[in-house]
Amino acid sequence: MLQDFRYRDALAQKRRHDFLARITKIGVLAGLILAGLVSLVFFSPFFAVTDIAVQGLEKHNKETITGHIKFHLDKNPFRALVLANNMLFLDADELAQQLRAEFPLIRDVSVEKDWLHALRFSFIEREPLGAWCFKNECTFFDVDGMTWGQTVRSSGFLLTTVVDLREHEEKKIEPLFLEAVKIIDPALKNMNVGIKEIIIPADTLPELHVATTNGYDIYFAVDGKLAAQLNILRIFLDAKRLDPAFHPQYLDARIEGRVYYR
């Protein structure tokens, strides 16, 4: 009996030893696989961005933009843990936001990951709608009210000139007047009324004065009812178009439903 007991005990120990050996081998193999995956994902150039494609740029230097993109890719806050410009950890939306902040003339940019190594950037640049003059200091502006650069006050058909005669602590375009300009400008052109410049008078209620190439000024109230003012103006001008005696100094469309002139 003692011999049989010793045999069973030795067999159990052998089985435990074999089980622990298998577990150890599996653990070592799993550790090696995990270490390989970690190395592949975090430290290997397998997921590194190696190709940057840029399109839609005309006003900006392509090499300058590409240089800023590479700079941001290399600014990895986890450089000690993750290889820089790792495609897996790249936040494309954040990168696009940084580019818009650094280059105000970029209106929008989309970033597309073209796995495994390429990034595709599609830029939309701002187009000047006209020149906005804060008294005598003129700057370009676009449909969003973004201003940049310097230009001269001029009259013409290529760009709309807005002259803001009010006092400003900060030279910033107010949305109320921007939207009014965006409505009035194409509407008058559709009526065959040429625009020399649009004036925001100083010390008045919110209104716009349009100096036209037709020889008269037009007054508008900026009160949210511009569509009605423009509609009655169109009807009035259609009625007066063939009148040879119609040579007014100004047209006043500020009173709802009426046009006064002198």
C-alpha atoms as a PDB file:
ATOM      1  CA  MET A   1       0.000   0.000   0.000  1.00  0.00           C
ATOM      2  CA  LEU A   2       2.810   2.421   0.856  1.00  0.00           C
ATOM      3  CA  GLN A   3       4.453   1.746  -2.495  1.00  0.00           C
ATOM      4  CA  ASP A   4       1.178   2.347  -4.345  1.00  0.00           C
ATOM      5  CA  PHE A   5       0.624   5.619  -2.473  1.00  0.00           C
ATOM      6  CA  ARG A   6       4.134   6.791  -3.340  1.00  0.00           C
ATOM      7  CA  TYR A   7       3.526   5.941  -6.975  1.00  0.00           C
ATOM      8  CA  ARG A   8       0.296   7.920  -7.122  1.00  0.00           C
ATOM      9  CA  ASP A   9       1.953  10.884  -5.378  1.00  0.00           C
ATOM     10  CA  ALA A  10       4.840  10.877  -7.856  1.00  0.00           C
ATOM     11  CA  LEU A  11       2.389  10.661 -10.745  1.00  0.00           C
ATOM     12  CA  ALA A  12       0.394  13.621  -9.389  1.00  0.00           C
ATOM     13  CA  GLN A  13       3.553  15.666  -8.979  1.00  0.00           C
ATOM     14  CA  LYS A  14       4.565  14.856 -12.540  1.00  0.00           C
ATOM     15  CA  ARG A  15       1.168  15.918 -13.817  1.00  0.00           C
ATOM     16  CA  ARG A  16       1.361  19.177 -11.871  1.00  0.00           C
ATOM     17  CA  HIS A  17       4.847  19.780 -13.203  1.00  0.00           C
ATOM     18  CA  ASP A  18       3.717  19.129 -16.773  1.00  0.00           C
ATOM     19  CA  PHE A  19       0.680  21.404 -16.301  1.00  0.00           C
ATOM     20  CA  LEU A  20       2.828  24.233 -14.896  1.00  0.00           C
ATOM     21  CA  ALA A  21       5.316  23.759 -17.718  1.00  0.00           C
ATOM     22  CA  ARG A  22       2.549  24.049 -20.309  1.00  0.00           C
ATOM     23  CA  ILE A  23       1.102  27.105 -18.571  1.00  0.00           C
ATOM     24  CA  THR A  24       4.558  28.680 -18.465  1.00  0.00           C
ATOM     25  CA  LYS A  25       5.109  28.007 -22.163  1.00  0.00           C
ATOM     26  CA  ILE A  26       1.701  29.445 -23.024  1.00  0.00           C
ATOM     27  CA  GLY A  27       2.391  32.499 -20.853  1.00  0.00           C
ATOM     28  CA  VAL A  28       5.789  33.070 -22.419  1.00  0.00           C
ATOM     29  CA  LEU A  29       4.325  32.662 -25.923  1.00  0.00           C
ATOM     30  CA  ALA A  30       1.452  35.046 -25.109  1.00  0.00           C
ATOM     31  CA  GLY A  31       3.927  37.538 -23.678  1.00  0.00           C
ATOM     32  CA  LEU A  32       6.062  37.368 -26.799  1.00  0.00           C
ATOM     33  CA  ILE A  33       3.000  37.842 -29.003  1.00  0.00           C
ATOM     34  CA  LEU A  34       1.827  40.773 -26.889  1.00  0.00           C
ATOM     35  CA  ALA A  35       5.283  42.335 -26.923  1.00  0.00           C
ATOM     36  CA  GLY A  36       5.382  41.921 -30.693  1.00  0.00           C
ATOM     37  CA  LEU A  37       1.977  43.578 -31.097  1.00  0.00           C
ATOM     38  CA  VAL A  38       2.948  46.432 -28.783  1.00  0.00           C
ATOM     39  CA  SER A  39       6.170  46.938 -30.700  1.00  0.00           C
ATOM     40  CA  LEU A  40       4.307  46.804 -34.026  1.00  0.00           C
ATOM     41  CA  VAL A  41       1.586  49.235 -32.965  1.00  0.00           C
ATOM     42  CA  PHE A  42       3.574  51.693 -30.862  1.00  0.00           C
ATOM     43  CA  PHE A  43       7.158  51.638 -32.060  1.00  0.00           C
ATOM     44  CA  SER A  44       7.266  50.101 -35.521  1.00  0.00           C
ATOM     45  CA  PRO A  45       7.238  52.355 -38.641  1.00  0.00           C
ATOM     46  CA  PHE A  46       4.611  49.986 -40.054  1.00  0.00           C
ATOM     47  CA  PHE A  47       1.864  52.567 -39.303  1.00  0.00           C
ATOM     48  CA  ALA A  48       3.978  55.702 -39.846  1.00  0.00           C
ATOM     49  CA  VAL A  49       2.721  58.452 -42.164  1.00  0.00           C
ATOM     50  CA  THR A  50       5.121  58.559 -45.102  1.00  0.00           C
ATOM     51  CA  ASP A  51       3.006  60.235 -47.797  1.00  0.00           C
ATOM     52  CA  ILE A  52       1.227  63.608 -47.558  1.00  0.00           C
ATOM     53  CA  ALA A  53      -0.957  64.708 -50.482  1.00  0.00           C
ATOM     54  CA  VAL A  54      -2.278  68.293 -50.620  1.00  0.00           C
ATOM     55  CA  GLN A  55      -4.842  69.763 -53.007  1.00  0.00           C
ATOM     56  CA  GLY A  56      -6.934  72.939 -53.287  1.00  0.00           C
ATOM     57  CA  LEU A  57      -4.175  75.454 -52.540  1.00  0.00           C
ATOM     58  CA  GLU A  58      -3.675  78.508 -54.737  1.00  0.00           C
ATOM     59  CA  LYS A  59      -2.973  81.396 -52.374  1.00  0.00           C
ATOM     60  CA  HIS A  60      -0.782  79.386 -49.993  1.00  0.00           C
ATOM     61  CA  ASN A  61       2.612  77.872 -50.628  1.00  0.00           C
ATOM     62  CA  LYS A  62       2.211  74.106 -50.758  1.00  0.00           C
ATOM     63  CA  GLU A  63       5.631  73.451 -49.226  1.00  0.00           C
ATOM     64  CA  THR A  64       4.850  75.767 -46.304  1.00  0.00           C
ATOM     65  CA  ILE A  65       1.586  73.976 -45.538  1.00  0.00           C
ATOM     66  CA  THR A  66       3.222  70.565 -45.893  1.00  0.00           C
ATOM     67  CA  GLY A  67       5.981  71.666 -43.527  1.00  0.00           C
ATOM     68  CA  HIS A  68       3.430  72.676 -40.890  1.00  0.00           C
ATOM     69  CA  ILE A  69       1.635  69.355 -41.292  1.00  0.00           C
ATOM     70  CA  LYS A  70       4.882  67.440 -40.718  1.00  0.00           C
ATOM     71  CA  PHE A  71       5.650  69.671 -37.731  1.00  0.00           C
ATOM     72  CA  HIS A  72       2.333  68.791 -36.107  1.00  0.00           C
ATOM     73  CA  LEU A  73       2.764  65.104 -36.878  1.00  0.00           C
ATOM     74  CA  ASP A  74       6.106  65.147 -35.075  1.00  0.00           C
ATOM     75  CA  LYS A  75       4.676  66.999 -32.054  1.00  0.00           C
ATOM     76  CA  ASN A  76       3.564  63.763 -30.400  1.00  0.00           C
ATOM     77  CA  PRO A  77       2.884  64.340 -26.678  1.00  0.00           C
ATOM     78  CA  PHE A  78       3.467  60.602 -26.096  1.00  0.00           C
ATOM     79  CA  ARG A  79       6.755  60.478 -27.992  1.00  0.00           C
ATOM     80  CA  ALA A  80       8.308  58.276 -25.272  1.00  0.00           C
ATOM     81  CA  LEU A  81       5.519  55.721 -25.663  1.00  0.00           C
ATOM     82  CA  VAL A  82       4.328  56.060 -29.253  1.00  0.00           C
ATOM     83  CA  LEU A  83       6.301  56.585 -32.440  1.00  0.00           C
ATOM     84  CA  ALA A  84       5.680  60.040 -33.888  1.00  0.00           C
ATOM     85  CA  ASN A  85       3.250  60.373 -36.871  1.00  0.00           C
ATOM     86  CA  ASN A  86       1.601  57.043 -36.031  1.00  0.00           C
ATOM     87  CA  MET A  87      -1.469  56.666 -38.270  1.00  0.00           C
ATOM     88  CA  LEU A  88      -3.406  54.751 -35.612  1.00  0.00           C
ATOM     89  CA  PHE A  89      -3.163  57.536 -33.037  1.00  0.00           C
ATOM     90  CA  LEU A  90      -3.516  60.494 -35.388  1.00  0.00           C
ATOM     91  CA  ASP A  91      -6.490  62.759 -34.603  1.00  0.00           C
ATOM     92  CA  ALA A  92      -7.362  64.050 -38.088  1.00  0.00           C
ATOM     93  CA  ASP A  93     -10.024  66.487 -36.810  1.00  0.00           C
ATOM     94  CA  GLU A  94      -7.620  68.078 -34.350  1.00  0.00           C
ATOM     95  CA  LEU A  95      -4.964  68.403 -37.055  1.00  0.00           C
ATOM     96  CA  ALA A  96      -7.480  70.119 -39.376  1.00  0.00           C
ATOM     97  CA  GLN A  97      -8.479  72.496 -36.564  1.00  0.00           C
ATOM     98  CA  GLN A  98      -4.841  73.422 -35.942  1.00  0.00           C
ATOM     99  CA  LEU A  99      -4.297  74.212 -39.614  1.00  0.00           C
ATOM    100  CA  ARG A 100      -7.393  76.431 -39.753  1.00  0.00           C
ATOM    101  CA  ALA A 101      -6.190  78.297 -36.658  1.00  0.00           C
ATOM    102  CA  GLU A 102      -2.690  78.872 -38.034  1.00  0.00           C
ATOM    103  CA  PHE A 103      -3.775  79.879 -41.535  1.00  0.00           C
ATOM    104  CA  PRO A 104      -6.829  82.200 -41.379  1.00  0.00           C
ATOM    105  CA  LEU A 105      -7.113  82.238 -45.176  1.00  0.00           C
ATOM    106  CA  ILE A 106      -7.978  78.545 -45.069  1.00  0.00           C
ATOM    107  CA  ARG A 107     -11.742  78.399 -44.807  1.00  0.00           C
ATOM    108  CA  ASP A 108     -11.940  74.634 -44.415  1.00  0.00           C
ATOM    109  CA  VAL A 109      -9.809  71.518 -44.709  1.00  0.00           C
ATOM    110  CA  SER A 110     -10.680  67.836 -44.685  1.00  0.00           C
ATOM    111  CA  VAL A 111      -8.184  65.120 -43.786  1.00  0.00           C
ATOM    112  CA  GLU A 112      -8.572  61.607 -45.113  1.00  0.00           C
ATOM    113  CA  LYS A 113      -6.512  58.631 -43.944  1.00  0.00           C
ATOM    114  CA  ASP A 114      -5.437  56.517 -46.886  1.00  0.00           C
ATOM    115  CA  TRP A 115      -4.201  53.422 -45.088  1.00  0.00           C
ATOM    116  CA  LEU A 116      -1.579  52.505 -44.243  1.00  0.00           C
ATOM    117  CA  HIS A 117       0.823  55.393 -44.784  1.00  0.00           C
ATOM    118  CA  ALA A 118      -0.876  58.285 -46.604  1.00  0.00           C
ATOM    119  CA  LEU A 119      -2.806  61.389 -45.546  1.00  0.00           C
ATOM    120  CA  ARG A 120      -4.919  63.297 -48.082  1.00  0.00           C
ATOM    121  CA  PHE A 121      -5.616  66.989 -47.382  1.00  0.00           C
ATOM    122  CA  SER A 122      -8.319  68.883 -49.299  1.00  0.00           C
ATOM    123  CA  PHE A 123      -8.249  72.644 -48.678  1.00  0.00           C
ATOM    124  CA  ILE A 124     -10.840  75.340 -49.371  1.00  0.00           C
ATOM    125  CA  GLU A 125      -9.318  78.821 -49.348  1.00  0.00           C
ATOM    126  CA  ARG A 126     -11.192  82.008 -48.555  1.00  0.00           C
ATOM    127  CA  GLU A 127     -12.314  84.126 -51.504  1.00  0.00           C
ATOM    128  CA  PRO A 128     -12.651  87.907 -50.998  1.00  0.00           C
ATOM    129  CA  LEU A 129     -16.218  89.140 -51.311  1.00  0.00           C
ATOM    130  CA  GLY A 130     -15.044  92.712 -51.196  1.00  0.00           C
ATOM    131  CA  ALA A 131     -13.217  95.403 -49.244  1.00  0.00           C
ATOM    132  CA  TRP A 132     -14.493  96.534 -45.845  1.00  0.00           C
ATOM    133  CA  CYS A 133     -13.235  99.973 -44.874  1.00  0.00           C
ATOM    134  CA  PHE A 134     -13.296 101.053 -41.248  1.00  0.00           C
ATOM    135  CA  LYS A 135     -13.245 104.718 -42.208  1.00  0.00           C
ATOM    136  CA  ASN A 136     -10.028 104.865 -44.275  1.00  0.00           C
ATOM    137  CA  GLU A 137      -8.477 101.529 -43.300  1.00  0.00           C
ATOM    138  CA  CYS A 138      -9.609  98.894 -45.775  1.00  0.00           C
ATOM    139  CA  THR A 139      -9.266  95.129 -45.548  1.00  0.00           C
ATOM    140  CA  PHE A 140     -10.519  92.194 -47.585  1.00  0.00           C
ATOM    141  CA  PHE A 141     -13.523  90.291 -46.243  1.00  0.00           C
ATOM    142  CA  ASP A 142     -15.359  87.116 -47.217  1.00  0.00           C
ATOM    143  CA  VAL A 143     -18.859  85.662 -46.828  1.00  0.00           C
ATOM    144  CA  ASP A 144     -18.081  84.626 -43.237  1.00  0.00           C
ATOM    145  CA  GLY A 145     -17.018  88.122 -42.198  1.00  0.00           C
ATOM    146  CA  MET A 146     -13.383  87.063 -41.941  1.00  0.00           C
ATOM    147  CA  THR A 147     -10.992  89.950 -42.655  1.00  0.00           C
ATOM    148  CA  TRP A 148      -7.386  89.875 -43.782  1.00  0.00           C
ATOM    149  CA  GLY A 149      -4.710  91.957 -45.479  1.00  0.00           C
ATOM    150  CA  GLN A 150      -4.938  95.545 -46.605  1.00  0.00           C
ATOM    151  CA  THR A 151      -6.421  97.073 -49.733  1.00  0.00           C
ATOM    152  CA  VAL A 152      -7.429 100.503 -51.004  1.00  0.00           C
ATOM    153  CA  ARG A 153     -10.870 102.066 -51.100  1.00  0.00           C
ATOM    154  CA  SER A 154     -12.119 101.892 -54.667  1.00  0.00           C
ATOM    155  CA  SER A 155     -15.265 101.696 -56.743  1.00  0.00           C
ATOM    156  CA  GLY A 156     -15.866  98.939 -59.212  1.00  0.00           C
ATOM    157  CA  PHE A 157     -17.746  95.818 -60.161  1.00  0.00           C
ATOM    158  CA  LEU A 158     -15.229  93.144 -59.223  1.00  0.00           C
ATOM    159  CA  LEU A 159     -15.331  93.573 -55.451  1.00  0.00           C
ATOM    160  CA  THR A 160     -17.938  95.162 -53.211  1.00  0.00           C
ATOM    161  CA  THR A 161     -16.653  98.083 -51.149  1.00  0.00           C
ATOM    162  CA  VAL A 162     -18.261  98.734 -47.775  1.00  0.00           C
ATOM    163  CA  VAL A 163     -17.363 101.942 -45.944  1.00  0.00           C
ATOM    164  CA  ASP A 164     -18.110 101.834 -42.224  1.00  0.00           C
ATOM    165  CA  LEU A 165     -18.036 105.408 -40.902  1.00  0.00           C
ATOM    166  CA  ARG A 166     -18.865 104.538 -37.291  1.00  0.00           C
ATOM    167  CA  GLU A 167     -16.411 104.597 -34.401  1.00  0.00           C
ATOM    168  CA  HIS A 168     -15.019 101.159 -33.560  1.00  0.00           C
ATOM    169  CA  GLU A 169     -13.001 100.031 -30.584  1.00  0.00           C
ATOM    170  CA  GLU A 170     -12.367  96.773 -32.424  1.00  0.00           C
ATOM    171  CA  LYS A 171     -12.324  96.568 -36.216  1.00  0.00           C
ATOM    172  CA  LYS A 172     -14.755  93.701 -36.544  1.00  0.00           C
ATOM    173  CA  ILE A 173     -17.600  93.175 -39.006  1.00  0.00           C
ATOM    174  CA  GLU A 174     -20.986  92.873 -37.326  1.00  0.00           C
ATOM    175  CA  PRO A 175     -23.123  89.948 -38.569  1.00  0.00           C
ATOM    176  CA  LEU A 176     -26.184  92.225 -38.957  1.00  0.00           C
ATOM    177  CA  PHE A 177     -24.462  94.422 -41.545  1.00  0.00           C
ATOM    178  CA  LEU A 178     -22.590  91.551 -43.183  1.00  0.00           C
ATOM    179  CA  GLU A 179     -25.821  89.684 -43.898  1.00  0.00           C
ATOM    180  CA  ALA A 180     -27.438  92.886 -45.187  1.00  0.00           C
ATOM    181  CA  VAL A 181     -24.548  93.456 -47.628  1.00  0.00           C
ATOM    182  CA  LYS A 182     -24.769  89.840 -48.824  1.00  0.00           C
ATOM    183  CA  ILE A 183     -28.486  90.322 -49.557  1.00  0.00           C
ATOM    184  CA  ILE A 184     -28.407  93.819 -51.051  1.00  0.00           C
ATOM    185  CA  ASP A 185     -25.399  93.402 -53.345  1.00  0.00           C
ATOM    186  CA  PRO A 186     -26.723  90.598 -55.609  1.00  0.00           C
ATOM    187  CA  ALA A 187     -30.298  91.895 -55.448  1.00  0.00           C
ATOM    188  CA  LEU A 188     -29.352  95.321 -56.844  1.00  0.00           C
ATOM    189  CA  LYS A 189     -27.177  93.784 -59.527  1.00  0.00           C
ATOM    190  CA  ASN A 190     -30.144  91.682 -60.614  1.00  0.00           C
ATOM    191  CA  MET A 191     -32.073  94.962 -61.006  1.00  0.00           C
ATOM    192  CA  ASN A 192     -29.280  96.337 -63.232  1.00  0.00           C
ATOM    193  CA  VAL A 193     -28.292  98.798 -60.520  1.00  0.00           C
ATOM    194  CA  GLY A 194     -24.518  99.197 -60.355  1.00  0.00           C
ATOM    195  CA  ILE A 195     -22.904  99.653 -56.957  1.00  0.00           C
ATOM    196  CA  LYS A 196     -20.046 102.073 -56.356  1.00  0.00           C
ATOM    197  CA  GLU A 197     -19.897 101.440 -52.630  1.00  0.00           C
ATOM    198  CA  ILE A 198     -22.084 100.646 -49.645  1.00  0.00           C
ATOM    199  CA  ILE A 199     -21.881 103.080 -46.754  1.00  0.00           C
ATOM    200  CA  ILE A 200     -22.715 102.517 -43.081  1.00  0.00           C
ATOM    201  CA  PRO A 201     -23.350 106.068 -41.793  1.00  0.00           C
ATOM    202  CA  ALA A 202     -22.095 107.234 -38.424  1.00  0.00           C
ATOM    203  CA  ASP A 203     -24.533 107.975 -35.582  1.00  0.00           C
ATOM    204  CA  THR A 204     -27.729 106.653 -37.196  1.00  0.00           C
ATOM    205  CA  LEU A 205     -30.139 103.799 -36.726  1.00  0.00           C
ATOM    206  CA  PRO A 206     -28.922 100.570 -38.373  1.00  0.00           C
ATOM    207  CA  GLU A 207     -29.087 101.394 -42.055  1.00  0.00           C
ATOM    208  CA  LEU A 208     -27.101 101.223 -45.275  1.00  0.00           C
ATOM    209  CA  HIS A 209     -26.655 103.834 -48.007  1.00  0.00           C
ATOM    210  CA  VAL A 210     -25.779 102.492 -51.444  1.00  0.00           C
ATOM    211  CA  ALA A 211     -23.998 104.826 -53.858  1.00  0.00           C
ATOM    212  CA  THR A 212     -24.921 103.570 -57.323  1.00  0.00           C
ATOM    213  CA  THR A 213     -23.475 104.011 -60.790  1.00  0.00           C
ATOM    214  CA  ASN A 214     -26.982 105.006 -61.912  1.00  0.00           C
ATOM    215  CA  GLY A 215     -26.496 108.463 -60.449  1.00  0.00           C
ATOM    216  CA  TYR A 216     -28.491 108.160 -57.223  1.00  0.00           C
ATOM    217  CA  ASP A 217     -28.154 106.736 -53.723  1.00  0.00           C
ATOM    218  CA  ILE A 218     -30.466 104.164 -52.154  1.00  0.00           C
ATOM    219  CA  TYR A 219     -31.254 104.033 -48.427  1.00  0.00           C
ATOM    220  CA  PHE A 220     -32.099 100.766 -46.668  1.00  0.00           C
ATOM    221  CA  ALA A 221     -33.067 100.040 -43.067  1.00  0.00           C
ATOM    222  CA  VAL A 222     -31.177  97.057 -41.694  1.00  0.00           C
ATOM    223  CA  ASP A 223     -34.018  95.685 -39.606  1.00  0.00           C
ATOM    224  CA  GLY A 224     -34.578  92.177 -40.888  1.00  0.00           C
ATOM    225  CA  LYS A 225     -37.093  93.255 -43.575  1.00  0.00           C
ATOM    226  CA  LEU A 226     -34.657  93.804 -46.402  1.00  0.00           C
ATOM    227  CA  ALA A 227     -36.451  91.354 -48.678  1.00  0.00           C
ATOM    228  CA  ALA A 228     -39.614  93.480 -48.543  1.00  0.00           C
ATOM    229  CA  GLN A 229     -37.647  96.710 -49.122  1.00  0.00           C
ATOM    230  CA  LEU A 230     -35.873  95.197 -52.120  1.00  0.00           C
ATOM    231  CA  ASN A 231     -39.096  93.842 -53.545  1.00  0.00           C
ATOM    232  CA  ILE A 232     -40.893  97.205 -53.449  1.00  0.00           C
ATOM    233  CA  LEU A 233     -37.761  98.848 -54.859  1.00  0.00           C
ATOM    234  CA  ARG A 234     -37.764  96.417 -57.787  1.00  0.00           C
ATOM    235  CA  ILE A 235     -41.436  97.193 -58.519  1.00  0.00           C
ATOM    236  CA  PHE A 236     -40.754 100.930 -58.286  1.00  0.00           C
ATOM    237  CA  LEU A 237     -37.742 100.801 -60.634  1.00  0.00           C
ATOM    238  CA  ASP A 238     -39.616  98.676 -63.164  1.00  0.00           C
ATOM    239  CA  ALA A 239     -42.347 101.320 -63.228  1.00  0.00           C
ATOM    240  CA  LYS A 240     -39.845 104.164 -63.673  1.00  0.00           C
ATOM    241  CA  ARG A 241     -37.436 102.504 -66.066  1.00  0.00           C
ATOM    242  CA  LEU A 242     -38.926 104.039 -69.225  1.00  0.00           C
ATOM    243  CA  ASP A 243     -39.591 107.462 -67.669  1.00  0.00           C
ATOM    244  CA  PRO A 244     -37.138 109.917 -69.310  1.00  0.00           C
ATOM    245  CA  ALA A 245     -37.747 112.442 -66.547  1.00  0.00           C
ATOM    246  CA  PHE A 246     -36.674 110.060 -63.794  1.00  0.00           C
ATOM    247  CA  HIS A 247     -33.326 111.377 -62.539  1.00  0.00           C
ATOM    248  CA  PRO A 248     -33.505 111.221 -58.728  1.00  0.00           C
ATOM    249  CA  GLN A 249     -30.822 112.187 -56.242  1.00  0.00           C
ATOM    250  CA  TYR A 250     -31.766 109.356 -53.911  1.00  0.00           C
ATOM    251  CA  LEU A 251     -34.319 106.584 -53.331  1.00  0.00           C
ATOM    252  CA  ASP A 252     -35.466 105.859 -49.797  1.00  0.00           C
ATOM    253  CA  ALA A 253     -36.745 102.312 -49.220  1.00  0.00           C
ATOM    254  CA  ARG A 254     -36.578 102.447 -45.418  1.00  0.00           C
ATOM    255  CA  ILE A 255     -40.335 102.908 -44.975  1.00  0.00           C
ATOM    256  CA  GLU A 256     -42.094  99.559 -45.305  1.00  0.00           C
ATOM    257  CA  GLY A 257     -44.088  99.183 -48.492  1.00  0.00           C
ATOM    258  CA  ARG A 258     -43.008 102.503 -50.003  1.00  0.00           C
ATOM    259  CA  VAL A 259     -40.175 104.142 -51.919  1.00  0.00           C
ATOM    260  CA  TYR A 260     -39.618 107.856 -51.562  1.00  0.00           C
ATOM    261  CA  TYR A 261     -37.342 109.787 -53.853  1.00  0.00           C
ATOM    262  CA  ARG A 262     -36.067 113.246 -54.567  1.00  0.00           C
END
